[in-house]
């Protein structure tokens, strides 16, 4: 099992829209060997790690 890139409660951006969302929960999909994430704004769908990116804060 690989290590998660994102953690629960972390603010991330959806790659295609650059929309900021917060991760609600993550789940390891064993047969695909990667994590899926459920986010606050779209709780009925999930995203894989490659569909999300770290949010860069502009200070």
PDB file of N, CA and C in Angstrom:
ATOM      1  N   UNK A   1       0.845  -1.172   0.000  1.00  0.00           N
ATOM      2  CA  UNK A   1       0.000   0.000   0.000  1.00  0.00           C
ATOM      3  C   UNK A   1       0.898   1.246   0.000  1.00  0.00           C
ATOM      4  N   UNK A   2       0.564   2.185  -0.854  1.00  0.00           N
ATOM      5  CA  UNK A   2       1.347   3.414  -0.937  1.00  0.00           C
ATOM      6  C   UNK A   2       0.899   4.410   0.128  1.00  0.00           C
ATOM      7  N   UNK A   3       1.651   5.458   0.291  1.00  0.00           N
ATOM      8  CA  UNK A   3       1.345   6.480   1.286  1.00  0.00           C
ATOM      9  C   UNK A   3       0.447   7.549   0.673  1.00  0.00           C
ATOM     10  N   UNK A   4      -0.514   8.041   1.469  1.00  0.00           N
ATOM     11  CA  UNK A   4      -1.427   9.083   0.997  1.00  0.00           C
ATOM     12  C   UNK A   4      -0.679  10.382   0.733  1.00  0.00           C
ATOM     13  N   UNK A   5      -1.099  11.098  -0.297  1.00  0.00           N
ATOM     14  CA  UNK A   5      -0.528  12.410  -0.596  1.00  0.00           C
ATOM     15  C   UNK A   5      -1.252  13.493   0.194  1.00  0.00           C
ATOM     16  N   UNK A   6      -2.564  13.328   0.369  1.00  0.00           N
ATOM     17  CA  UNK A   6      -3.394  14.325   1.042  1.00  0.00           C
ATOM     18  C   UNK A   6      -3.962  13.752   2.330  1.00  0.00           C
ATOM     19  N   UNK A   7      -4.289  14.628   3.274  1.00  0.00           N
ATOM     20  CA  UNK A   7      -4.861  14.179   4.544  1.00  0.00           C
ATOM     21  C   UNK A   7      -6.256  14.766   4.729  1.00  0.00           C
ATOM     22  N   UNK A   8      -7.040  14.138   5.589  1.00  0.00           N
ATOM     23  CA  UNK A   8      -8.393  14.608   5.870  1.00  0.00           C
ATOM     24  C   UNK A   8      -8.329  16.023   6.439  1.00  0.00           C
ATOM     25  N   UNK A   9      -9.219  16.902   5.960  1.00  0.00           N
ATOM     26  CA  UNK A   9      -9.249  18.286   6.416  1.00  0.00           C
ATOM     27  C   UNK A   9      -8.345  19.215   5.633  1.00  0.00           C
ATOM     28  N   UNK A  10      -7.541  18.672   4.745  1.00  0.00           N
ATOM     29  CA  UNK A  10      -6.610  19.493   3.954  1.00  0.00           C
ATOM     30  C   UNK A  10      -7.349  20.186   2.812  1.00  0.00           C
ATOM     31  N   UNK A  11      -6.997  21.447   2.556  1.00  0.00           N
ATOM     32  CA  UNK A  11      -7.569  22.197   1.443  1.00  0.00           C
ATOM     33  C   UNK A  11      -6.702  21.928   0.209  1.00  0.00           C
ATOM     34  N   UNK A  12      -7.349  21.468  -0.862  1.00  0.00           N
ATOM     35  CA  UNK A  12      -6.660  21.144  -2.113  1.00  0.00           C
ATOM     36  C   UNK A  12      -7.420  21.781  -3.274  1.00  0.00           C
ATOM     37  N   UNK A  13      -6.822  21.759  -4.440  1.00  0.00           N
ATOM     38  CA  UNK A  13      -7.473  22.284  -5.639  1.00  0.00           C
ATOM     39  C   UNK A  13      -7.773  21.136  -6.595  1.00  0.00           C
ATOM     40  N   UNK A  14      -8.931  21.201  -7.236  1.00  0.00           N
ATOM     41  CA  UNK A  14      -9.274  20.245  -8.288  1.00  0.00           C
ATOM     42  C   UNK A  14      -8.520  20.698  -9.532  1.00  0.00           C
ATOM     43  N   UNK A  15      -7.740  19.833 -10.131  1.00  0.00           N
ATOM     44  CA  UNK A  15      -6.863  20.215 -11.252  1.00  0.00           C
ATOM     45  C   UNK A  15      -7.588  20.862 -12.425  1.00  0.00           C
ATOM     46  N   UNK A  16      -8.698  20.299 -12.878  1.00  0.00           N
ATOM     47  CA  UNK A  16      -9.361  20.805 -14.086  1.00  0.00           C
ATOM     48  C   UNK A  16     -10.002  22.172 -13.900  1.00  0.00           C
ATOM     49  N   UNK A  17     -10.472  22.479 -12.697  1.00  0.00           N
ATOM     50  CA  UNK A  17     -11.171  23.750 -12.472  1.00  0.00           C
ATOM     51  C   UNK A  17     -10.413  24.715 -11.570  1.00  0.00           C
ATOM     52  N   UNK A  18      -9.384  24.224 -10.904  1.00  0.00           N
ATOM     53  CA  UNK A  18      -8.614  25.004  -9.930  1.00  0.00           C
ATOM     54  C   UNK A  18      -9.481  25.445  -8.749  1.00  0.00           C
ATOM     55  N   UNK A  19     -10.587  24.765  -8.540  1.00  0.00           N
ATOM     56  CA  UNK A  19     -11.519  25.061  -7.454  1.00  0.00           C
ATOM     57  C   UNK A  19     -10.986  24.489  -6.145  1.00  0.00           C
ATOM     58  N   UNK A  20     -11.064  25.281  -5.078  1.00  0.00           N
ATOM     59  CA  UNK A  20     -10.596  24.838  -3.773  1.00  0.00           C
ATOM     60  C   UNK A  20     -11.676  24.049  -3.054  1.00  0.00           C
ATOM     61  N   UNK A  21     -11.283  22.905  -2.511  1.00  0.00           N
ATOM     62  CA  UNK A  21     -12.185  22.037  -1.749  1.00  0.00           C
ATOM     63  C   UNK A  21     -11.419  21.474  -0.557  1.00  0.00           C
ATOM     64  N   UNK A  22     -12.168  20.987   0.425  1.00  0.00           N
ATOM     65  CA  UNK A  22     -11.564  20.363   1.605  1.00  0.00           C
ATOM     66  C   UNK A  22     -11.829  18.871   1.571  1.00  0.00           C
ATOM     67  N   UNK A  23     -10.812  18.088   1.853  1.00  0.00           N
ATOM     68  CA  UNK A  23     -10.951  16.635   1.844  1.00  0.00           C
ATOM     69  C   UNK A  23     -11.706  16.180   3.085  1.00  0.00           C
ATOM     70  N   UNK A  24     -12.786  15.423   2.858  1.00  0.00           N
ATOM     71  CA  UNK A  24     -13.573  14.864   3.955  1.00  0.00           C
ATOM     72  C   UNK A  24     -12.982  13.548   4.436  1.00  0.00           C
ATOM     73  N   UNK A  25     -12.720  12.654   3.479  1.00  0.00           N
ATOM     74  CA  UNK A  25     -12.167  11.337   3.836  1.00  0.00           C
ATOM     75  C   UNK A  25     -11.445  10.740   2.649  1.00  0.00           C
ATOM     76  N   UNK A  26     -10.605   9.770   2.946  1.00  0.00           N
ATOM     77  CA  UNK A  26      -9.863   9.077   1.898  1.00  0.00           C
ATOM     78  C   UNK A  26     -10.077   7.578   2.062  1.00  0.00           C
ATOM     79  N   UNK A  27      -9.859   6.864   0.959  1.00  0.00           N
ATOM     80  CA  UNK A  27     -10.053   5.416   0.955  1.00  0.00           C
ATOM     81  C   UNK A  27      -9.045   4.802  -0.008  1.00  0.00           C
ATOM     82  N   UNK A  28      -8.357   3.760   0.444  1.00  0.00           N
ATOM     83  CA  UNK A  28      -7.416   3.062  -0.425  1.00  0.00           C
ATOM     84  C   UNK A  28      -8.175   2.048  -1.269  1.00  0.00           C
ATOM     85  N   UNK A  29      -8.063   2.159  -2.591  1.00  0.00           N
ATOM     86  CA  UNK A  29      -8.716   1.239  -3.516  1.00  0.00           C
ATOM     87  C   UNK A  29      -7.679   0.167  -3.863  1.00  0.00           C
ATOM     88  N   UNK A  30      -7.825  -0.973  -3.234  1.00  0.00           N
ATOM     89  CA  UNK A  30      -6.811  -2.026  -3.306  1.00  0.00           C
ATOM     90  C   UNK A  30      -6.529  -2.505  -4.728  1.00  0.00           C
ATOM     91  N   UNK A  31      -7.581  -2.785  -5.513  1.00  0.00           N
ATOM     92  CA  UNK A  31      -7.355  -3.329  -6.855  1.00  0.00           C
ATOM     93  C   UNK A  31      -6.771  -2.292  -7.821  1.00  0.00           C
ATOM     94  N   UNK A  32      -6.905  -1.003  -7.512  1.00  0.00           N
ATOM     95  CA  UNK A  32      -6.322   0.048  -8.357  1.00  0.00           C
ATOM     96  C   UNK A  32      -5.005   0.574  -7.768  1.00  0.00           C
ATOM     97  N   UNK A  33      -4.711   0.154  -6.547  1.00  0.00           N
ATOM     98  CA  UNK A  33      -3.477   0.515  -5.841  1.00  0.00           C
ATOM     99  C   UNK A  33      -3.280   2.026  -5.748  1.00  0.00           C
ATOM    100  N   UNK A  34      -4.360   2.732  -5.379  1.00  0.00           N
ATOM    101  CA  UNK A  34      -4.274   4.175  -5.174  1.00  0.00           C
ATOM    102  C   UNK A  34      -5.421   4.639  -4.291  1.00  0.00           C
ATOM    103  N   UNK A  35      -5.306   5.869  -3.817  1.00  0.00           N
ATOM    104  CA  UNK A  35      -6.300   6.438  -2.926  1.00  0.00           C
ATOM    105  C   UNK A  35      -7.353   7.219  -3.688  1.00  0.00           C
ATOM    106  N   UNK A  36      -8.585   7.162  -3.169  1.00  0.00           N
ATOM    107  CA  UNK A  36      -9.647   8.029  -3.659  1.00  0.00           C
ATOM    108  C   UNK A  36     -10.021   8.966  -2.515  1.00  0.00           C
ATOM    109  N   UNK A  37     -10.503  10.146  -2.871  1.00  0.00           N
ATOM    110  CA  UNK A  37     -10.822  11.169  -1.876  1.00  0.00           C
ATOM    111  C   UNK A  37     -12.221  11.706  -2.099  1.00  0.00           C
ATOM    112  N   UNK A  38     -12.953  11.899  -1.000  1.00  0.00           N
ATOM    113  CA  UNK A  38     -14.248  12.552  -1.024  1.00  0.00           C
ATOM    114  C   UNK A  38     -14.024  13.970  -0.504  1.00  0.00           C
ATOM    115  N   UNK A  39     -14.619  14.961  -1.183  1.00  0.00           N
ATOM    116  CA  UNK A  39     -14.407  16.360  -0.807  1.00  0.00           C
ATOM    117  C   UNK A  39     -15.717  17.014  -0.385  1.00  0.00           C
ATOM    118  N   UNK A  40     -15.622  18.135   0.327  1.00  0.00           N
ATOM    119  CA  UNK A  40     -16.786  18.793   0.912  1.00  0.00           C
ATOM    120  C   UNK A  40     -17.810  19.255  -0.112  1.00  0.00           C
ATOM    121  N   UNK A  41     -17.385  19.872  -1.168  1.00  0.00           N
ATOM    122  CA  UNK A  41     -18.318  20.468  -2.125  1.00  0.00           C
ATOM    123  C   UNK A  41     -19.043  19.426  -2.976  1.00  0.00           C
ATOM    124  N   UNK A  42     -18.430  18.273  -3.187  1.00  0.00           N
ATOM    125  CA  UNK A  42     -19.014  17.211  -4.009  1.00  0.00           C
ATOM    126  C   UNK A  42     -18.980  15.883  -3.246  1.00  0.00           C
ATOM    127  N   UNK A  43     -19.753  15.758  -2.175  1.00  0.00           N
ATOM    128  CA  UNK A  43     -19.659  14.559  -1.325  1.00  0.00           C
ATOM    129  C   UNK A  43     -20.168  13.270  -1.973  1.00  0.00           C
ATOM    130  N   UNK A  44     -20.905  13.375  -3.066  1.00  0.00           N
ATOM    131  CA  UNK A  44     -21.439  12.160  -3.697  1.00  0.00           C
ATOM    132  C   UNK A  44     -20.508  11.601  -4.776  1.00  0.00           C
ATOM    133  N   UNK A  45     -19.366  12.226  -4.988  1.00  0.00           N
ATOM    134  CA  UNK A  45     -18.399  11.731  -5.961  1.00  0.00           C
ATOM    135  C   UNK A  45     -17.040  11.591  -5.278  1.00  0.00           C
ATOM    136  N   UNK A  46     -16.079  11.050  -5.991  1.00  0.00           N
ATOM    137  CA  UNK A  46     -14.734  10.924  -5.426  1.00  0.00           C
ATOM    138  C   UNK A  46     -13.716  11.320  -6.476  1.00  0.00           C
ATOM    139  N   UNK A  47     -12.523  11.628  -6.011  1.00  0.00           N
ATOM    140  CA  UNK A  47     -11.427  12.032  -6.884  1.00  0.00           C
ATOM    141  C   UNK A  47     -10.213  11.178  -6.554  1.00  0.00           C
ATOM    142  N   UNK A  48      -9.422  10.854  -7.570  1.00  0.00           N
ATOM    143  CA  UNK A  48      -8.152  10.171  -7.340  1.00  0.00           C
ATOM    144  C   UNK A  48      -7.063  11.222  -7.167  1.00  0.00           C
ATOM    145  N   UNK A  49      -5.910  10.810  -6.641  1.00  0.00           N
ATOM    146  CA  UNK A  49      -4.821  11.744  -6.334  1.00  0.00           C
ATOM    147  C   UNK A  49      -4.395  12.585  -7.531  1.00  0.00           C
ATOM    148  N   UNK A  50      -4.394  11.987  -8.717  1.00  0.00           N
ATOM    149  CA  UNK A  50      -3.935  12.732  -9.888  1.00  0.00           C
ATOM    150  C   UNK A  50      -4.940  13.797 -10.339  1.00  0.00           C
ATOM    151  N   UNK A  51      -6.160  13.766  -9.796  1.00  0.00           N
ATOM    152  CA  UNK A  51      -7.170  14.770 -10.134  1.00  0.00           C
ATOM    153  C   UNK A  51      -7.140  15.972  -9.187  1.00  0.00           C
ATOM    154  N   UNK A  52      -6.332  15.872  -8.141  1.00  0.00           N
ATOM    155  CA  UNK A  52      -6.219  16.935  -7.145  1.00  0.00           C
ATOM    156  C   UNK A  52      -4.790  17.429  -7.093  1.00  0.00           C
ATOM    157  N   UNK A  53      -4.603  18.632  -6.552  1.00  0.00           N
ATOM    158  CA  UNK A  53      -3.245  19.143  -6.355  1.00  0.00           C
ATOM    159  C   UNK A  53      -3.194  19.953  -5.075  1.00  0.00           C
ATOM    160  N   UNK A  54      -2.000  20.045  -4.523  1.00  0.00           N
ATOM    161  CA  UNK A  54      -1.791  20.822  -3.300  1.00  0.00           C
ATOM    162  C   UNK A  54      -2.156  22.274  -3.563  1.00  0.00           C
ATOM    163  N   UNK A  55      -2.803  22.879  -2.583  1.00  0.00           N
ATOM    164  CA  UNK A  55      -3.151  24.299  -2.697  1.00  0.00           C
ATOM    165  C   UNK A  55      -1.951  25.125  -2.253  1.00  0.00           C
ATOM    166  N   UNK A  56      -1.556  26.058  -3.082  1.00  0.00           N
ATOM    167  CA  UNK A  56      -0.440  26.943  -2.753  1.00  0.00           C
ATOM    168  C   UNK A  56      -0.991  28.257  -2.221  1.00  0.00           C
ATOM    169  N   UNK A  57      -0.658  28.525  -0.985  1.00  0.00           N
ATOM    170  CA  UNK A  57      -1.137  29.756  -0.353  1.00  0.00           C
ATOM    171  C   UNK A  57      -0.306  30.932  -0.802  1.00  0.00           C
ATOM    172  N   UNK A  58      -0.961  32.031  -1.130  1.00  0.00           N
ATOM    173  CA  UNK A  58      -0.268  33.266  -1.505  1.00  0.00           C
ATOM    174  C   UNK A  58      -0.284  34.202  -0.297  1.00  0.00           C
ATOM    175  N   UNK A  59       0.864  34.369   0.311  1.00  0.00           N
ATOM    176  CA  UNK A  59       0.936  35.216   1.505  1.00  0.00           C
ATOM    177  C   UNK A  59       1.359  36.613   1.127  1.00  0.00           C
TER     178      UNK A  59
END
